Protein backbone atom coordinates (compact mmCIF):
# COMPACT_ATOMS: atom_id res chain seq x y z
CA UNK A 1 67.26 105.37 218.39
CA UNK A 2 68.81 104.06 215.41
CA UNK A 3 71.22 105.24 213.52
CA UNK A 4 70.97 106.48 210.15
CA UNK A 5 72.13 104.15 207.17
CA UNK A 6 75.97 104.71 206.06
CA UNK A 7 75.63 104.86 202.87
CA UNK A 8 74.55 108.41 202.40
CA UNK A 9 77.74 110.14 202.13
CA UNK A 10 77.81 108.06 198.19
CA UNK A 11 74.27 109.50 197.46
CA UNK A 12 75.33 112.29 195.26
CA UNK A 13 77.95 109.92 193.13
CA UNK A 14 74.91 107.64 192.91
CA UNK A 15 72.19 110.16 191.97
CA UNK A 16 74.91 111.41 189.01
CA UNK A 17 76.59 108.81 188.34
CA UNK A 18 75.01 105.33 189.10
CA UNK A 19 71.14 105.74 188.51
CA UNK A 20 71.68 107.07 185.04
CA UNK A 21 73.81 104.00 184.20
CA UNK A 22 71.47 101.63 185.79
CA UNK A 23 68.13 103.41 184.23
CA UNK A 24 68.87 101.56 180.66
CA UNK A 25 68.63 97.78 182.67
CA UNK A 26 66.69 98.34 185.43
CA UNK A 27 63.54 97.52 184.60
CA UNK A 28 64.77 94.41 182.47
CA UNK A 29 66.48 92.57 184.97
CA UNK A 30 65.76 90.39 188.19
CA UNK A 31 66.19 92.14 191.33
CA UNK A 32 65.92 95.49 189.95
CA UNK A 33 63.05 97.62 188.92
CA UNK A 34 62.81 101.64 187.63
CA UNK A 35 60.10 102.94 190.30
CA UNK A 36 57.95 105.87 188.91
CA UNK A 37 56.61 107.56 191.24
CA UNK A 38 54.90 111.73 191.54
CA UNK A 39 56.72 114.58 193.77
CA UNK A 40 54.62 115.57 196.30
CA UNK A 41 54.55 119.19 196.18
CA UNK A 42 55.97 119.87 192.11
CA UNK A 43 53.83 116.90 190.72
CA UNK A 44 56.80 116.12 188.84
CA UNK A 45 56.98 112.33 187.44
CA UNK A 46 60.24 110.69 188.40
CA UNK A 47 61.95 107.36 188.22
CA UNK A 48 64.69 105.51 190.23
CA UNK A 49 65.96 102.26 189.49
CA UNK A 50 66.24 100.43 192.63
CA UNK A 51 66.57 96.65 193.84
CA UNK A 52 63.39 95.44 194.64
CA UNK A 53 62.58 92.07 196.04
CA UNK A 54 58.93 90.24 195.23
CA UNK A 55 57.25 88.01 197.93
CA UNK A 56 54.06 86.50 196.78
CA UNK A 57 51.61 89.68 195.57
CA UNK A 58 53.72 91.89 198.11
CA UNK A 59 57.34 93.68 196.47
CA UNK A 60 59.76 95.17 198.78
CA UNK A 61 62.66 97.30 198.85
CA UNK A 62 65.25 97.83 201.47
CA UNK A 63 65.44 101.67 202.47
CA UNK A 64 69.51 101.98 202.05
CA UNK A 65 69.00 106.02 202.29
CA UNK A 66 65.91 105.38 205.19
CA UNK A 67 62.78 106.68 205.20
CA UNK A 68 63.32 110.14 205.00
CA UNK A 69 64.40 109.54 201.21
CA UNK A 70 61.87 111.80 198.60
CA UNK A 71 61.11 108.38 196.75
CA UNK A 72 60.22 106.63 199.82
CA UNK A 73 58.18 110.43 200.72
CA UNK A 74 56.52 110.66 197.54
CA UNK A 75 55.59 107.23 197.34
CA UNK A 76 53.72 106.95 200.68
CA UNK A 77 51.98 110.54 200.45
CA UNK A 78 50.62 108.95 197.15
CA UNK A 79 50.03 105.56 198.34
CA UNK A 80 51.37 103.60 195.22
CA UNK A 81 53.80 104.12 192.83
CA UNK A 82 54.70 101.93 189.36
CA UNK A 83 57.05 99.69 189.19
CA UNK A 84 58.69 98.29 185.95
CA UNK A 85 60.29 94.67 186.75
CA UNK A 86 61.47 92.15 184.36
CA UNK A 87 59.86 93.98 181.61
CA UNK A 88 56.55 94.69 182.84
CA UNK A 89 54.38 97.27 184.77
CA UNK A 90 53.11 96.31 188.25
CA UNK A 91 50.89 98.93 190.02
CA UNK A 92 51.98 98.72 193.77
CA UNK A 93 49.97 99.95 196.58
CA UNK A 94 48.82 100.37 200.19
CA UNK A 95 52.96 101.12 201.27
CA UNK A 96 53.98 100.07 204.72
CA UNK A 97 57.27 101.41 206.53
CA UNK A 98 58.71 98.22 208.32
CA UNK A 99 61.44 98.39 210.88
CA UNK A 100 63.54 94.98 210.45
CA UNK A 101 67.05 95.37 212.00
CA UNK A 102 67.80 91.82 210.93
CA UNK A 103 66.15 92.34 207.95
CA UNK A 104 64.70 88.95 208.09
CA UNK A 105 62.27 89.77 205.21
CA UNK A 106 65.38 90.12 202.33
CA UNK A 107 67.24 87.34 200.52
CA UNK A 108 70.33 86.29 202.72
CA UNK A 109 72.98 87.56 200.52
CA UNK A 110 71.13 90.95 200.42
CA UNK A 111 71.07 91.10 204.10
CA UNK A 112 74.61 90.39 204.73
CA UNK A 113 75.43 92.88 202.25
CA UNK A 114 73.73 95.75 204.11
CA UNK A 115 73.54 94.63 207.86
CA UNK A 116 76.85 96.55 208.16
CA UNK A 117 75.71 99.49 206.29
CA UNK A 118 72.87 99.74 208.87
CA UNK A 119 70.02 99.81 206.90
CA UNK A 120 67.39 98.42 209.02
CA UNK A 121 64.02 100.06 207.11
CA UNK A 122 62.10 98.18 204.74
CA UNK A 123 59.02 99.41 202.21
CA UNK A 124 56.83 97.23 201.50
CA UNK A 125 53.87 97.64 198.80
CA UNK A 126 51.30 95.14 197.53
CA UNK A 127 50.34 94.60 193.76
CA UNK A 128 47.00 96.26 192.62
CA UNK A 129 44.62 94.06 192.82
CA UNK A 130 45.99 91.32 195.13
CA UNK A 131 43.59 90.86 198.35
CA UNK A 132 44.37 92.59 201.31
CA UNK A 133 44.86 91.04 204.35
CA UNK A 134 41.45 90.98 206.19
CA UNK A 135 42.07 91.50 209.97
CA UNK A 136 38.82 89.50 211.13
CA UNK A 137 39.66 86.48 209.21
CA UNK A 138 43.26 86.46 211.13
CA UNK A 139 43.08 83.75 213.78
CA UNK A 140 42.73 84.46 217.25
CA UNK A 141 45.49 83.87 219.58
CA UNK A 142 44.80 81.25 222.31
């Protein structure tokens, strides 16, 4: 069983102080984004500032508070969300929760920063309109 990330203790501070400040610039700068998602039960629209890493037509989010964070649960339940990054909006679909203890999908500086905090989960989404991987066309093992 994996241990929870160590960042839970600072979550209230992040939500009340850090997030309101980062909302002012997160949608315009590289490596940041504003994630718009809808509450599963409330139907309320939320805008969450977040770090984002693009790999081709996929967008990756390190789950610093784990996969039980409300925004993660909302995105997975809805099957997607909208991300504002570098001044443009991207519709993201097909959320995939991935266990990646070594964080190999993320840039090296991010890995080095997050590993001591026990972050092991990544959420990956596909830009809407990008081709889905074709499991039938995948090479067969020899």
